[in-house]
N, C-alpha and C. Protein backbone atom coordinates (compact mmCIF):
# COMPACT_ATOMS: atom_id res chain seq x y z
N UNK A 1 -12.42 -24.05 2.77
CA UNK A 1 -10.97 -23.92 2.70
C UNK A 1 -10.58 -22.85 1.70
N UNK A 2 -9.37 -22.34 1.82
CA UNK A 2 -8.92 -21.28 0.92
C UNK A 2 -8.35 -21.90 -0.34
N UNK A 3 -8.70 -21.30 -1.48
CA UNK A 3 -8.23 -21.89 -2.73
C UNK A 3 -6.82 -21.44 -3.06
N UNK A 4 -6.29 -21.93 -4.19
CA UNK A 4 -4.90 -21.70 -4.55
C UNK A 4 -4.61 -20.24 -4.87
N UNK A 5 -5.67 -19.48 -5.20
CA UNK A 5 -5.45 -18.09 -5.56
C UNK A 5 -5.47 -17.13 -4.39
N UNK A 6 -5.63 -17.67 -3.18
CA UNK A 6 -5.79 -16.81 -2.01
C UNK A 6 -4.45 -16.30 -1.52
N UNK A 7 -4.43 -15.01 -1.14
CA UNK A 7 -3.24 -14.41 -0.54
C UNK A 7 -3.70 -13.61 0.68
N UNK A 8 -2.99 -13.72 1.81
CA UNK A 8 -3.48 -13.11 3.07
C UNK A 8 -3.27 -11.60 3.18
N UNK A 9 -3.49 -10.90 2.10
CA UNK A 9 -3.49 -9.43 2.10
C UNK A 9 -4.42 -8.99 0.99
N UNK A 10 -5.41 -8.19 1.31
CA UNK A 10 -6.43 -7.82 0.33
C UNK A 10 -6.64 -6.31 0.30
N UNK A 11 -6.89 -5.81 -0.88
CA UNK A 11 -7.17 -4.38 -1.05
C UNK A 11 -8.19 -4.20 -2.15
N UNK A 12 -9.19 -3.41 -1.87
CA UNK A 12 -10.16 -3.01 -2.89
C UNK A 12 -10.54 -1.57 -2.62
N UNK A 13 -10.73 -0.81 -3.68
CA UNK A 13 -11.13 0.58 -3.59
C UNK A 13 -12.40 0.76 -4.39
N UNK A 14 -13.43 1.31 -3.76
CA UNK A 14 -14.72 1.48 -4.44
C UNK A 14 -14.56 2.47 -5.61
N UNK A 15 -15.05 2.05 -6.76
CA UNK A 15 -15.03 2.94 -7.91
C UNK A 15 -16.05 4.06 -7.73
N UNK A 16 -15.63 5.32 -7.88
CA UNK A 16 -16.58 6.44 -7.70
C UNK A 16 -17.48 6.60 -8.93
N UNK A 17 -18.59 5.90 -8.93
CA UNK A 17 -19.51 5.93 -10.07
C UNK A 17 -20.40 7.16 -9.98
N UNK A 18 -19.75 8.32 -10.07
CA UNK A 18 -20.44 9.60 -9.95
C UNK A 18 -19.51 10.68 -10.47
N UNK A 19 -20.01 11.89 -10.54
CA UNK A 19 -19.18 13.02 -10.93
C UNK A 19 -18.21 13.36 -9.80
N UNK A 20 -16.94 13.46 -10.13
CA UNK A 20 -15.92 13.81 -9.15
C UNK A 20 -15.75 15.33 -9.10
N UNK A 21 -15.22 15.81 -8.01
CA UNK A 21 -15.04 17.24 -7.80
C UNK A 21 -13.89 17.76 -8.67
N UNK A 22 -14.22 18.56 -9.68
CA UNK A 22 -13.19 19.05 -10.61
C UNK A 22 -12.24 20.03 -9.92
N UNK A 23 -12.78 20.83 -8.98
CA UNK A 23 -11.95 21.85 -8.33
C UNK A 23 -10.86 21.20 -7.50
N UNK A 24 -11.23 20.25 -6.62
CA UNK A 24 -10.21 19.61 -5.79
C UNK A 24 -9.30 18.71 -6.63
N UNK A 25 -9.81 18.21 -7.74
CA UNK A 25 -8.97 17.41 -8.63
C UNK A 25 -7.88 18.28 -9.24
N UNK A 26 -8.25 19.47 -9.68
CA UNK A 26 -7.27 20.38 -10.30
C UNK A 26 -6.16 20.74 -9.31
N UNK A 27 -6.54 20.97 -8.06
CA UNK A 27 -5.57 21.40 -7.05
C UNK A 27 -5.14 20.24 -6.13
N UNK A 28 -5.26 19.00 -6.59
CA UNK A 28 -4.99 17.86 -5.73
C UNK A 28 -3.60 17.89 -5.09
N UNK A 29 -2.52 18.23 -5.82
CA UNK A 29 -1.21 18.28 -5.14
C UNK A 29 -1.17 19.28 -3.99
N UNK A 30 -1.98 20.35 -4.09
CA UNK A 30 -2.02 21.36 -3.03
C UNK A 30 -2.89 20.89 -1.87
N UNK A 31 -4.07 20.36 -2.17
CA UNK A 31 -4.98 19.92 -1.10
C UNK A 31 -4.41 18.72 -0.35
N UNK A 32 -3.50 18.00 -0.98
CA UNK A 32 -2.89 16.84 -0.34
C UNK A 32 -1.87 17.22 0.74
N UNK A 33 -1.34 18.44 0.67
CA UNK A 33 -0.23 18.84 1.54
C UNK A 33 -0.53 18.64 3.03
N UNK A 34 -1.67 19.10 3.57
CA UNK A 34 -1.89 18.93 5.02
C UNK A 34 -1.87 17.47 5.47
N UNK A 35 -2.60 16.61 4.76
CA UNK A 35 -2.63 15.21 5.16
C UNK A 35 -1.30 14.53 4.84
N UNK A 36 -0.60 15.04 3.84
CA UNK A 36 0.72 14.51 3.53
C UNK A 36 1.71 14.78 4.65
N UNK A 37 1.58 15.94 5.29
CA UNK A 37 2.45 16.26 6.43
C UNK A 37 2.16 15.31 7.59
N UNK A 38 0.88 15.06 7.84
CA UNK A 38 0.51 14.12 8.91
C UNK A 38 1.09 12.73 8.61
N UNK A 39 0.97 12.29 7.35
CA UNK A 39 1.50 10.99 6.97
C UNK A 39 3.01 10.93 7.14
N UNK A 40 3.70 12.01 6.77
CA UNK A 40 5.15 12.04 6.92
C UNK A 40 5.56 11.97 8.39
N UNK A 41 4.81 12.65 9.25
CA UNK A 41 5.13 12.61 10.67
C UNK A 41 4.91 11.22 11.26
N UNK A 42 3.84 10.55 10.81
CA UNK A 42 3.58 9.20 11.29
C UNK A 42 4.59 8.20 10.75
N UNK A 43 5.10 8.45 9.55
CA UNK A 43 6.05 7.53 8.95
C UNK A 43 7.38 7.54 9.68
N UNK A 44 7.67 8.62 10.42
CA UNK A 44 8.84 8.62 11.28
C UNK A 44 10.12 9.00 10.57
N UNK A 45 11.25 8.88 11.26
CA UNK A 45 12.54 9.26 10.71
C UNK A 45 13.04 8.28 9.67
N UNK A 46 14.02 8.71 8.92
CA UNK A 46 14.61 7.87 7.89
C UNK A 46 15.35 6.70 8.52
N UNK A 47 15.01 5.49 8.09
CA UNK A 47 15.58 4.29 8.68
C UNK A 47 17.04 4.10 8.29
N UNK A 48 17.38 4.33 7.04
CA UNK A 48 18.71 4.02 6.55
C UNK A 48 19.65 5.20 6.57
N UNK A 49 19.24 6.32 7.15
CA UNK A 49 20.16 7.42 7.39
C UNK A 49 20.24 8.45 6.30
N UNK A 50 19.78 8.16 5.08
CA UNK A 50 19.86 9.12 3.99
C UNK A 50 18.58 9.90 3.87
N UNK A 51 18.63 11.04 3.21
CA UNK A 51 17.41 11.84 3.04
C UNK A 51 16.44 11.14 2.11
N UNK A 52 15.13 11.13 2.43
CA UNK A 52 14.15 10.47 1.58
C UNK A 52 13.97 11.22 0.27
N UNK A 53 13.79 10.46 -0.80
CA UNK A 53 13.53 11.06 -2.10
C UNK A 53 12.04 10.98 -2.37
N UNK A 54 11.33 12.04 -2.02
CA UNK A 54 9.89 12.04 -2.18
C UNK A 54 9.51 13.02 -3.28
N UNK A 55 8.68 12.52 -4.19
CA UNK A 55 8.20 13.37 -5.27
C UNK A 55 6.87 12.84 -5.74
N UNK A 56 6.06 13.71 -6.36
CA UNK A 56 4.78 13.30 -6.88
C UNK A 56 5.01 12.25 -7.95
N UNK A 57 4.26 11.14 -7.87
CA UNK A 57 4.41 10.07 -8.82
C UNK A 57 5.45 9.05 -8.43
N UNK A 58 6.16 9.25 -7.30
CA UNK A 58 7.16 8.29 -6.87
C UNK A 58 6.49 7.01 -6.42
N UNK A 59 7.22 5.89 -6.55
CA UNK A 59 6.72 4.61 -6.09
C UNK A 59 6.59 4.64 -4.57
N UNK A 60 5.36 4.42 -4.00
CA UNK A 60 5.22 4.46 -2.55
C UNK A 60 6.07 3.40 -1.87
N UNK A 61 6.34 2.28 -2.58
CA UNK A 61 7.20 1.27 -1.97
C UNK A 61 8.60 1.81 -1.75
N UNK A 62 9.11 2.61 -2.71
CA UNK A 62 10.43 3.21 -2.56
C UNK A 62 10.43 4.21 -1.42
N UNK A 63 9.37 5.05 -1.36
CA UNK A 63 9.29 6.05 -0.30
C UNK A 63 9.29 5.37 1.07
N UNK A 64 8.52 4.28 1.21
CA UNK A 64 8.39 3.64 2.51
C UNK A 64 9.65 2.89 2.89
N UNK A 65 10.39 2.40 1.90
CA UNK A 65 11.65 1.73 2.21
C UNK A 65 12.61 2.72 2.85
N UNK A 66 12.57 3.96 2.41
CA UNK A 66 13.47 4.97 2.94
C UNK A 66 12.92 5.60 4.22
N UNK A 67 11.58 5.60 4.35
CA UNK A 67 10.98 6.25 5.51
C UNK A 67 10.06 5.26 6.22
N UNK A 68 10.60 4.17 6.70
CA UNK A 68 9.77 3.15 7.33
C UNK A 68 9.81 3.21 8.84
N UNK A 69 10.14 4.38 9.40
CA UNK A 69 10.20 4.51 10.84
C UNK A 69 8.87 4.22 11.52
N UNK A 70 7.73 4.52 10.84
CA UNK A 70 6.44 4.29 11.43
C UNK A 70 6.01 2.83 11.40
N UNK A 71 6.48 2.07 10.43
CA UNK A 71 6.15 0.66 10.34
C UNK A 71 7.12 -0.15 11.19
N UNK A 72 6.56 -1.08 11.94
CA UNK A 72 7.38 -1.89 12.83
C UNK A 72 7.94 -3.08 12.07
N UNK A 73 9.05 -2.85 11.36
CA UNK A 73 9.68 -3.91 10.57
C UNK A 73 10.81 -4.59 11.33
N UNK A 74 11.83 -3.83 11.71
CA UNK A 74 12.97 -4.44 12.38
C UNK A 74 12.60 -5.08 13.72
N UNK A 75 11.81 -4.41 14.57
CA UNK A 75 11.41 -5.08 15.82
C UNK A 75 10.65 -6.38 15.58
N UNK A 76 9.77 -6.37 14.58
CA UNK A 76 9.00 -7.58 14.27
C UNK A 76 9.91 -8.69 13.76
N UNK A 77 10.86 -8.33 12.89
CA UNK A 77 11.78 -9.33 12.37
C UNK A 77 12.58 -9.98 13.50
N UNK A 78 13.07 -9.16 14.43
CA UNK A 78 13.85 -9.69 15.55
C UNK A 78 12.99 -10.57 16.46
N UNK A 79 11.75 -10.14 16.69
CA UNK A 79 10.86 -10.93 17.54
C UNK A 79 10.55 -12.28 16.91
N UNK A 80 10.36 -12.31 15.60
CA UNK A 80 10.09 -13.56 14.92
C UNK A 80 11.31 -14.49 14.95
N UNK A 81 12.49 -13.92 14.76
CA UNK A 81 13.69 -14.74 14.74
C UNK A 81 13.99 -15.33 16.12
N UNK A 82 13.90 -14.52 17.16
CA UNK A 82 14.33 -14.96 18.49
C UNK A 82 13.21 -15.55 19.35
N UNK A 83 11.96 -15.09 19.12
CA UNK A 83 10.87 -15.55 19.99
C UNK A 83 9.74 -16.24 19.23
N UNK A 84 9.73 -16.15 17.91
CA UNK A 84 8.66 -16.69 17.09
C UNK A 84 7.31 -16.13 17.54
N UNK A 85 7.29 -14.83 17.77
CA UNK A 85 6.07 -14.13 18.18
C UNK A 85 5.88 -12.89 17.30
N UNK A 86 4.61 -12.58 17.08
CA UNK A 86 4.25 -11.34 16.38
C UNK A 86 3.23 -10.64 17.28
N UNK A 87 3.67 -9.73 18.14
CA UNK A 87 2.74 -9.08 19.07
C UNK A 87 1.53 -8.49 18.35
N UNK A 88 0.38 -8.78 18.88
CA UNK A 88 -0.86 -8.37 18.20
C UNK A 88 -0.93 -6.86 18.03
N UNK A 89 -0.52 -6.11 19.03
CA UNK A 89 -0.66 -4.65 18.91
C UNK A 89 0.33 -4.09 17.90
N UNK A 90 1.46 -4.76 17.66
CA UNK A 90 2.36 -4.35 16.59
C UNK A 90 1.67 -4.56 15.24
N UNK A 91 1.02 -5.72 15.10
CA UNK A 91 0.28 -6.01 13.86
C UNK A 91 -0.82 -4.98 13.62
N UNK A 92 -1.58 -4.66 14.67
CA UNK A 92 -2.66 -3.69 14.53
C UNK A 92 -2.13 -2.32 14.13
N UNK A 93 -0.99 -1.91 14.69
CA UNK A 93 -0.38 -0.63 14.33
C UNK A 93 -0.02 -0.62 12.84
N UNK A 94 0.65 -1.68 12.38
CA UNK A 94 1.03 -1.76 10.97
C UNK A 94 -0.19 -1.76 10.06
N UNK A 95 -1.23 -2.49 10.47
CA UNK A 95 -2.45 -2.55 9.67
C UNK A 95 -3.09 -1.18 9.55
N UNK A 96 -3.24 -0.46 10.68
CA UNK A 96 -3.89 0.84 10.66
C UNK A 96 -3.05 1.87 9.89
N UNK A 97 -1.73 1.81 10.05
CA UNK A 97 -0.88 2.75 9.33
C UNK A 97 -0.93 2.50 7.83
N UNK A 98 -0.93 1.22 7.42
CA UNK A 98 -1.03 0.90 6.00
C UNK A 98 -2.37 1.35 5.44
N UNK A 99 -3.44 1.22 6.23
CA UNK A 99 -4.74 1.67 5.77
C UNK A 99 -4.77 3.17 5.56
N UNK A 100 -4.24 3.92 6.53
CA UNK A 100 -4.19 5.38 6.41
C UNK A 100 -3.32 5.79 5.23
N UNK A 101 -2.18 5.16 5.08
CA UNK A 101 -1.28 5.47 3.99
C UNK A 101 -1.94 5.22 2.63
N UNK A 102 -2.67 4.12 2.53
CA UNK A 102 -3.33 3.79 1.27
C UNK A 102 -4.44 4.77 0.95
N UNK A 103 -5.17 5.20 1.98
CA UNK A 103 -6.21 6.23 1.74
C UNK A 103 -5.59 7.51 1.22
N UNK A 104 -4.45 7.89 1.79
CA UNK A 104 -3.77 9.12 1.34
C UNK A 104 -3.30 8.98 -0.10
N UNK A 105 -2.71 7.84 -0.43
CA UNK A 105 -2.21 7.64 -1.79
C UNK A 105 -3.35 7.53 -2.80
N UNK A 106 -4.48 6.93 -2.38
CA UNK A 106 -5.63 6.85 -3.26
C UNK A 106 -6.17 8.25 -3.55
N UNK A 107 -6.17 9.10 -2.55
CA UNK A 107 -6.61 10.49 -2.75
C UNK A 107 -5.65 11.22 -3.69
N UNK A 108 -4.35 11.05 -3.48
CA UNK A 108 -3.36 11.71 -4.34
C UNK A 108 -3.46 11.21 -5.77
N UNK A 109 -3.78 9.93 -5.94
CA UNK A 109 -3.88 9.34 -7.28
C UNK A 109 -5.26 9.56 -7.91
N UNK A 110 -6.10 10.38 -7.26
CA UNK A 110 -7.42 10.78 -7.77
C UNK A 110 -8.44 9.65 -7.77
N UNK A 111 -8.12 8.52 -7.14
CA UNK A 111 -9.05 7.40 -7.13
C UNK A 111 -10.31 7.73 -6.33
N UNK A 112 -10.17 8.60 -5.34
CA UNK A 112 -11.29 9.07 -4.56
C UNK A 112 -11.13 10.57 -4.34
N UNK A 113 -12.25 11.27 -4.11
CA UNK A 113 -12.13 12.71 -3.88
C UNK A 113 -12.55 13.13 -2.47
N UNK A 114 -12.99 12.16 -1.61
CA UNK A 114 -13.21 12.52 -0.22
C UNK A 114 -11.86 12.60 0.48
N UNK A 115 -11.73 13.55 1.41
CA UNK A 115 -10.44 13.76 2.06
C UNK A 115 -10.13 12.57 2.95
N UNK A 116 -8.87 12.10 2.94
CA UNK A 116 -8.52 10.89 3.71
C UNK A 116 -8.76 11.06 5.20
N UNK A 117 -9.40 10.06 5.78
CA UNK A 117 -9.61 10.03 7.23
C UNK A 117 -8.40 9.38 7.89
N UNK A 118 -8.11 9.83 9.11
CA UNK A 118 -7.00 9.22 9.85
C UNK A 118 -7.41 7.90 10.50
N UNK A 119 -8.72 7.65 10.64
CA UNK A 119 -9.12 6.43 11.35
C UNK A 119 -10.30 5.69 10.75
N UNK A 120 -11.01 6.26 9.78
CA UNK A 120 -12.15 5.59 9.17
C UNK A 120 -11.73 4.92 7.86
N UNK A 121 -12.35 3.78 7.58
CA UNK A 121 -12.01 3.01 6.38
C UNK A 121 -12.37 3.75 5.10
N UNK A 122 -13.47 4.46 5.10
CA UNK A 122 -14.00 5.15 3.93
C UNK A 122 -14.20 4.14 2.79
N UNK A 123 -13.75 4.48 1.58
CA UNK A 123 -13.97 3.60 0.43
C UNK A 123 -12.76 2.75 0.09
N UNK A 124 -11.76 2.76 0.97
CA UNK A 124 -10.54 1.97 0.76
C UNK A 124 -10.57 0.79 1.73
N UNK A 125 -10.73 -0.41 1.19
CA UNK A 125 -10.91 -1.60 2.01
C UNK A 125 -9.62 -2.42 1.98
N UNK A 126 -8.83 -2.28 3.03
CA UNK A 126 -7.55 -2.97 3.14
C UNK A 126 -7.60 -3.93 4.31
N UNK A 127 -7.11 -5.14 4.08
CA UNK A 127 -7.12 -6.12 5.16
C UNK A 127 -5.86 -6.98 5.10
N UNK A 128 -5.33 -7.28 6.26
CA UNK A 128 -4.22 -8.21 6.42
C UNK A 128 -4.65 -9.27 7.43
N UNK A 129 -4.19 -10.50 7.23
CA UNK A 129 -4.55 -11.57 8.14
C UNK A 129 -3.46 -11.73 9.19
N UNK A 130 -3.89 -11.74 10.45
CA UNK A 130 -2.95 -11.88 11.55
C UNK A 130 -2.36 -13.29 11.54
N UNK A 131 -1.03 -13.41 11.50
CA UNK A 131 -0.42 -14.74 11.37
C UNK A 131 -0.25 -15.44 12.72
N UNK A 132 -0.27 -16.75 12.68
CA UNK A 132 0.12 -17.56 13.84
C UNK A 132 1.63 -17.77 13.71
N UNK A 133 2.40 -16.90 14.34
CA UNK A 133 3.84 -16.88 14.13
C UNK A 133 4.52 -18.18 14.54
N UNK A 134 3.99 -18.84 15.56
CA UNK A 134 4.65 -20.04 16.08
C UNK A 134 4.63 -21.19 15.09
N UNK A 135 3.52 -21.32 14.33
CA UNK A 135 3.42 -22.46 13.41
C UNK A 135 3.26 -22.03 11.95
N UNK A 136 2.92 -20.76 11.71
CA UNK A 136 2.63 -20.34 10.35
C UNK A 136 3.73 -19.56 9.66
N UNK A 137 4.76 -19.15 10.41
CA UNK A 137 5.84 -18.35 9.83
C UNK A 137 7.19 -19.00 10.11
N UNK A 138 8.05 -19.00 9.11
CA UNK A 138 9.42 -19.48 9.27
C UNK A 138 10.23 -18.42 10.01
N UNK A 139 10.92 -18.82 11.07
CA UNK A 139 11.60 -17.84 11.91
C UNK A 139 12.79 -17.18 11.21
N UNK A 140 13.35 -17.80 10.18
CA UNK A 140 14.55 -17.25 9.54
C UNK A 140 14.24 -16.44 8.29
N UNK A 141 13.08 -16.64 7.69
CA UNK A 141 12.76 -15.91 6.46
C UNK A 141 12.75 -14.39 6.60
N UNK A 142 12.37 -13.81 7.75
CA UNK A 142 12.41 -12.34 7.86
C UNK A 142 13.78 -11.74 7.55
N UNK A 143 14.83 -12.52 7.66
CA UNK A 143 16.18 -12.01 7.39
C UNK A 143 16.44 -11.84 5.89
N UNK A 144 15.67 -12.54 5.06
CA UNK A 144 15.97 -12.53 3.62
C UNK A 144 14.78 -12.17 2.75
N UNK A 145 13.59 -12.00 3.34
CA UNK A 145 12.41 -11.72 2.52
C UNK A 145 12.58 -10.47 1.67
N UNK A 146 13.17 -9.43 2.26
CA UNK A 146 13.36 -8.18 1.52
C UNK A 146 14.21 -8.41 0.28
N UNK A 147 15.12 -9.37 0.32
CA UNK A 147 15.96 -9.69 -0.83
C UNK A 147 15.22 -10.59 -1.82
N UNK A 148 14.45 -11.54 -1.31
CA UNK A 148 13.71 -12.44 -2.18
C UNK A 148 12.66 -11.70 -3.01
N UNK A 149 12.23 -10.56 -2.50
CA UNK A 149 11.21 -9.78 -3.22
C UNK A 149 11.79 -8.89 -4.30
N UNK A 150 13.08 -8.98 -4.55
CA UNK A 150 13.74 -8.12 -5.54
C UNK A 150 13.07 -8.15 -6.92
N UNK A 151 12.67 -9.31 -7.46
CA UNK A 151 11.98 -9.29 -8.77
C UNK A 151 10.74 -8.41 -8.77
N UNK A 152 10.03 -8.38 -7.64
CA UNK A 152 8.84 -7.53 -7.56
C UNK A 152 9.22 -6.05 -7.61
N UNK A 153 10.32 -5.66 -6.96
CA UNK A 153 10.74 -4.26 -6.99
C UNK A 153 10.97 -3.80 -8.43
N UNK A 154 11.61 -4.67 -9.21
CA UNK A 154 11.92 -4.31 -10.60
C UNK A 154 10.63 -4.12 -11.39
N UNK A 155 9.71 -5.08 -11.27
CA UNK A 155 8.45 -4.99 -12.02
C UNK A 155 7.63 -3.79 -11.55
N UNK A 156 7.56 -3.60 -10.23
CA UNK A 156 6.77 -2.50 -9.70
C UNK A 156 7.29 -1.14 -10.12
N UNK A 157 8.60 -1.03 -10.28
CA UNK A 157 9.16 0.25 -10.73
C UNK A 157 8.53 0.66 -12.06
N UNK A 158 8.50 -0.26 -13.01
CA UNK A 158 7.95 0.06 -14.32
C UNK A 158 6.43 0.21 -14.29
N UNK A 159 5.78 -0.59 -13.47
CA UNK A 159 4.33 -0.50 -13.40
C UNK A 159 3.87 0.78 -12.70
N UNK A 160 4.67 1.25 -11.73
CA UNK A 160 4.30 2.52 -11.09
C UNK A 160 4.54 3.71 -12.01
N UNK A 161 5.51 3.60 -12.90
CA UNK A 161 5.68 4.63 -13.92
C UNK A 161 4.43 4.67 -14.81
N UNK A 162 3.97 3.48 -15.20
CA UNK A 162 2.75 3.40 -16.01
C UNK A 162 1.55 3.93 -15.24
N UNK A 163 1.48 3.61 -13.94
CA UNK A 163 0.37 4.09 -13.13
C UNK A 163 0.38 5.61 -13.00
N UNK A 164 1.58 6.19 -12.87
CA UNK A 164 1.69 7.65 -12.80
C UNK A 164 1.16 8.29 -14.08
N UNK A 165 1.46 7.68 -15.22
CA UNK A 165 0.94 8.19 -16.51
C UNK A 165 -0.58 8.06 -16.55
N UNK A 166 -1.10 6.97 -16.00
CA UNK A 166 -2.55 6.79 -15.96
C UNK A 166 -3.21 7.88 -15.12
N UNK A 167 -2.58 8.25 -14.01
CA UNK A 167 -3.13 9.29 -13.15
C UNK A 167 -3.16 10.63 -13.88
N UNK A 168 -2.13 10.91 -14.66
CA UNK A 168 -2.10 12.16 -15.43
C UNK A 168 -3.24 12.18 -16.45
N UNK A 169 -3.42 11.07 -17.15
CA UNK A 169 -4.52 10.98 -18.12
C UNK A 169 -5.87 11.12 -17.40
N UNK A 170 -6.00 10.46 -16.25
CA UNK A 170 -7.24 10.54 -15.48
C UNK A 170 -7.50 11.96 -15.01
N UNK A 171 -6.45 12.69 -14.66
CA UNK A 171 -6.60 14.08 -14.22
C UNK A 171 -7.30 14.91 -15.30
N UNK A 172 -6.84 14.76 -16.54
CA UNK A 172 -7.47 15.49 -17.64
C UNK A 172 -8.90 14.99 -17.87
N UNK A 173 -9.09 13.66 -17.78
CA UNK A 173 -10.42 13.10 -18.01
C UNK A 173 -11.42 13.63 -16.98
N UNK A 174 -11.00 13.71 -15.72
CA UNK A 174 -11.91 14.21 -14.68
C UNK A 174 -12.23 15.69 -14.89
N UNK A 175 -11.23 16.46 -15.29
CA UNK A 175 -11.47 17.89 -15.51
C UNK A 175 -12.48 18.12 -16.64
N UNK A 176 -12.42 17.27 -17.66
CA UNK A 176 -13.31 17.46 -18.82
C UNK A 176 -14.64 16.72 -18.69
N UNK A 177 -14.64 15.56 -18.04
CA UNK A 177 -15.86 14.75 -17.99
C UNK A 177 -16.39 14.53 -16.58
N UNK A 178 -15.56 14.78 -15.58
CA UNK A 178 -15.97 14.52 -14.20
C UNK A 178 -15.84 13.07 -13.79
N UNK A 179 -15.35 12.21 -14.67
CA UNK A 179 -15.26 10.78 -14.40
C UNK A 179 -13.83 10.26 -14.51
N UNK A 180 -13.54 9.25 -13.68
CA UNK A 180 -12.26 8.56 -13.74
C UNK A 180 -12.47 7.35 -14.66
N UNK A 181 -11.80 7.28 -15.81
CA UNK A 181 -11.99 6.14 -16.71
C UNK A 181 -11.83 4.81 -15.97
N UNK A 182 -12.80 3.92 -16.13
CA UNK A 182 -12.84 2.69 -15.35
C UNK A 182 -11.59 1.83 -15.54
N UNK A 183 -11.11 1.71 -16.78
CA UNK A 183 -9.94 0.90 -17.04
C UNK A 183 -8.70 1.43 -16.34
N UNK A 184 -8.52 2.74 -16.36
CA UNK A 184 -7.38 3.35 -15.67
C UNK A 184 -7.50 3.15 -14.16
N UNK A 185 -8.74 3.29 -13.66
CA UNK A 185 -8.97 3.11 -12.23
C UNK A 185 -8.57 1.71 -11.79
N UNK A 186 -8.98 0.71 -12.54
CA UNK A 186 -8.68 -0.67 -12.18
C UNK A 186 -7.17 -0.94 -12.24
N UNK A 187 -6.49 -0.35 -13.20
CA UNK A 187 -5.05 -0.56 -13.32
C UNK A 187 -4.31 0.03 -12.12
N UNK A 188 -4.64 1.27 -11.78
CA UNK A 188 -3.96 1.93 -10.66
C UNK A 188 -4.28 1.21 -9.35
N UNK A 189 -5.54 0.81 -9.17
CA UNK A 189 -5.90 0.06 -7.98
C UNK A 189 -5.13 -1.26 -7.92
N UNK A 190 -4.96 -1.89 -9.07
CA UNK A 190 -4.20 -3.13 -9.12
C UNK A 190 -2.76 -2.93 -8.70
N UNK A 191 -2.18 -1.80 -9.04
CA UNK A 191 -0.81 -1.50 -8.61
C UNK A 191 -0.73 -1.35 -7.09
N UNK A 192 -1.71 -0.68 -6.53
CA UNK A 192 -1.77 -0.55 -5.07
C UNK A 192 -1.87 -1.94 -4.43
N UNK A 193 -2.71 -2.79 -5.03
CA UNK A 193 -2.93 -4.14 -4.50
C UNK A 193 -1.65 -4.96 -4.56
N UNK A 194 -0.94 -4.88 -5.68
CA UNK A 194 0.31 -5.61 -5.85
C UNK A 194 1.34 -5.15 -4.81
N UNK A 195 1.45 -3.85 -4.65
CA UNK A 195 2.41 -3.31 -3.68
C UNK A 195 2.09 -3.77 -2.26
N UNK A 196 0.81 -3.80 -1.91
CA UNK A 196 0.42 -4.26 -0.58
C UNK A 196 0.88 -5.70 -0.34
N UNK A 197 0.69 -6.56 -1.33
CA UNK A 197 1.11 -7.95 -1.18
C UNK A 197 2.62 -8.05 -0.93
N UNK A 198 3.37 -7.26 -1.69
CA UNK A 198 4.83 -7.29 -1.52
C UNK A 198 5.20 -6.80 -0.13
N UNK A 199 4.52 -5.75 0.33
CA UNK A 199 4.81 -5.24 1.67
C UNK A 199 4.42 -6.23 2.74
N UNK A 200 3.29 -6.91 2.57
CA UNK A 200 2.86 -7.91 3.54
C UNK A 200 3.90 -9.02 3.67
N UNK A 201 4.50 -9.39 2.56
CA UNK A 201 5.50 -10.47 2.56
C UNK A 201 6.86 -10.00 3.06
N UNK A 202 7.37 -8.91 2.50
CA UNK A 202 8.77 -8.54 2.71
C UNK A 202 9.02 -7.66 3.93
N UNK A 203 8.05 -6.82 4.31
CA UNK A 203 8.31 -5.84 5.37
C UNK A 203 7.32 -5.90 6.53
N UNK A 204 6.06 -6.17 6.25
CA UNK A 204 5.11 -6.35 7.35
C UNK A 204 5.24 -7.75 7.95
N UNK A 205 5.77 -8.68 7.17
CA UNK A 205 6.11 -10.03 7.65
C UNK A 205 4.90 -10.81 8.15
N UNK A 206 3.74 -10.59 7.54
CA UNK A 206 2.52 -11.26 7.98
C UNK A 206 2.30 -12.59 7.27
N UNK A 207 3.09 -12.90 6.26
CA UNK A 207 2.91 -14.15 5.52
C UNK A 207 4.24 -14.61 4.93
N UNK A 208 4.37 -15.92 4.77
CA UNK A 208 5.53 -16.49 4.09
C UNK A 208 5.22 -16.86 2.65
N UNK A 209 3.97 -16.66 2.25
CA UNK A 209 3.58 -16.99 0.88
C UNK A 209 4.12 -15.92 -0.06
N UNK A 210 4.82 -16.36 -1.12
CA UNK A 210 5.41 -15.40 -2.05
C UNK A 210 4.32 -14.69 -2.83
N UNK A 211 4.42 -13.36 -2.97
CA UNK A 211 3.36 -12.60 -3.64
C UNK A 211 3.22 -13.00 -5.11
N UNK A 212 2.00 -13.10 -5.60
CA UNK A 212 1.79 -13.38 -7.03
C UNK A 212 2.10 -12.15 -7.87
N UNK A 213 2.52 -12.38 -9.10
CA UNK A 213 2.74 -11.29 -10.04
C UNK A 213 1.40 -11.01 -10.72
N UNK A 214 0.57 -10.26 -10.02
CA UNK A 214 -0.80 -10.09 -10.50
C UNK A 214 -1.41 -8.81 -9.97
N UNK A 215 -2.28 -8.21 -10.80
CA UNK A 215 -3.04 -7.03 -10.39
C UNK A 215 -4.42 -7.41 -9.87
N UNK A 216 -4.78 -8.67 -9.99
CA UNK A 216 -6.15 -9.10 -9.74
C UNK A 216 -6.51 -9.07 -8.27
N UNK A 217 -7.81 -9.04 -7.98
CA UNK A 217 -8.31 -9.14 -6.62
C UNK A 217 -8.01 -10.53 -6.06
N UNK A 218 -8.08 -10.61 -4.73
CA UNK A 218 -7.90 -11.92 -4.08
C UNK A 218 -9.12 -12.80 -4.39
N UNK A 219 -8.88 -14.09 -4.48
CA UNK A 219 -9.97 -15.04 -4.61
C UNK A 219 -9.93 -15.96 -3.42
N UNK A 220 -11.06 -16.10 -2.73
CA UNK A 220 -11.12 -16.94 -1.55
C UNK A 220 -12.40 -17.76 -1.59
N UNK A 221 -12.32 -18.92 -1.06
CA UNK A 221 -13.52 -19.74 -0.91
C UNK A 221 -13.58 -20.27 0.52
N UNK A 222 -14.77 -20.48 1.00
CA UNK A 222 -14.94 -20.91 2.39
C UNK A 222 -14.52 -22.37 2.57
């Protein structure tokens, strides 16, 4: 059985226990541009009508809230409310897009130096559990989950500022030593993990369990 610490969204990124590429690290904002364009095209048009505010170091949760055309949020919410169904292929699309997005952000944050793949997992291990919508999800919660997650938005704003500072420090560390300091790596990865949980709850709608305020890995028992 699953223990009390289990949450149905998991993320882990392999620590690069080797010398990282100093050249691509130095020019990371430039080398990111091609895959960033692909990600922007997949993310789709602006959902709320205003121009997206995208900048280096911005909170990916904020970016995706403004540019969530690629993620199937509103159709899924309506399907859950009226039919209590979560079409499997909609879930698979959201899962694959979140995986690709996380690989891109991990590359931009210097956590990995291999170029992000559009379809291979690489060293970024992201998983979401497919829900049994008929018995496992409340049909009305999709209407308010985005609001219930407000405390997380506030905390994540400050933690992503801290994570951006960690990436800057790591940039210098990699240029001088070739290594990403382990403590900084774990903190930034923890921020990615926290954001995934919030997205799984509030926008991907795969779980009704409220996200924990934690950077830690998931704990599960058989």
